[in-house]
Protein backbone atom coordinates (compact mmCIF):
# COMPACT_ATOMS: atom_id res chain seq x y z
CA MET A 1 -3.42 -1.35 -7.47
CA LYS A 2 -4.97 0.71 -4.68
CA CYS A 3 -5.22 0.34 -0.91
CA ASP A 4 -8.88 -0.05 0.08
CA LEU A 5 -8.31 1.65 3.45
CA CYS A 6 -6.09 4.68 2.82
CA GLY A 7 -6.43 4.98 -0.97
CA LYS A 8 -2.69 4.80 -1.66
CA THR A 9 -2.04 4.49 -5.42
CA PRO A 10 1.09 4.27 -7.61
CA GLN A 11 3.41 7.28 -7.66
CA PHE A 12 5.66 8.30 -10.51
CA GLY A 13 9.28 9.35 -10.71
CA HIS A 14 12.46 8.77 -12.67
CA ASN A 15 15.17 6.16 -12.99
CA VAL A 16 18.43 8.09 -13.05
CA SER A 17 21.36 6.43 -14.80
CA HIS A 18 25.05 7.07 -14.18
CA SER A 19 24.99 9.57 -17.05
CA LYS A 20 22.06 11.32 -15.27
CA ARG A 21 19.65 10.45 -18.08
CA ARG A 22 16.12 10.31 -16.64
CA THR A 23 13.53 7.75 -17.72
CA ASN A 24 10.05 7.41 -16.27
CA ARG A 25 9.29 4.78 -13.65
CA ARG A 26 6.45 3.85 -11.35
CA PHE A 27 6.52 3.25 -7.58
CA ASP A 28 3.76 0.72 -6.81
CA PRO A 29 2.36 0.40 -3.27
CA ASN A 30 2.99 -2.93 -1.53
CA ILE A 31 -0.58 -4.31 -1.65
CA HIS A 32 -1.66 -7.57 0.04
CA PRO A 33 -5.07 -9.21 0.37
CA ALA A 34 -6.12 -9.45 4.02
CA THR A 35 -9.20 -10.34 6.03
CA ILE A 36 -9.73 -7.78 8.80
CA THR A 37 -12.55 -6.75 11.14
CA ILE A 38 -13.67 -3.12 11.13
CA ASN A 39 -16.59 -2.09 13.38
CA GLY A 40 -17.47 -5.75 14.02
CA GLU A 41 -17.69 -6.55 10.30
CA THR A 42 -15.19 -9.06 8.89
CA LYS A 43 -14.36 -8.37 5.27
CA ARG A 44 -11.62 -9.04 2.72
CA TYR A 45 -9.58 -5.97 1.75
CA ASN A 46 -6.55 -5.18 -0.40
CA LEU A 47 -4.30 -3.29 2.02
CA CYS A 48 -0.89 -1.65 1.77
CA THR A 49 1.61 -2.97 4.30
CA ARG A 50 1.45 0.25 6.32
CA CYS A 51 -2.32 -0.14 6.88
CA LEU A 52 -1.87 -3.86 7.56
CA ARG A 53 0.71 -3.07 10.25
CA THR A 54 -1.53 -0.39 11.79
CA GLN A 55 -4.53 -2.75 11.87
CA HIS A 56 -2.39 -5.41 13.56
CA LYS A 57 -1.27 -2.90 16.21
CA VAL A 58 -4.87 -1.73 16.83
CA ALA A 59 -6.12 -5.31 17.18
CA ARG A 60 -3.49 -6.12 19.83
CA ALA A 61 -4.20 -3.01 21.95
């Protein structure tokens, strides 16, 4: 679970209950498969939604 463009990977933190007891949890990046063109080369990538949004904005400009 890694973004092929920016390298974003899971981060770790805690679930905190009402009694403030902390248990470990994992924040996974929102990864989606996408076909994009970079430097004239069309290829299939696994991108986080932030990179997907940025690529969409660059393509429109």
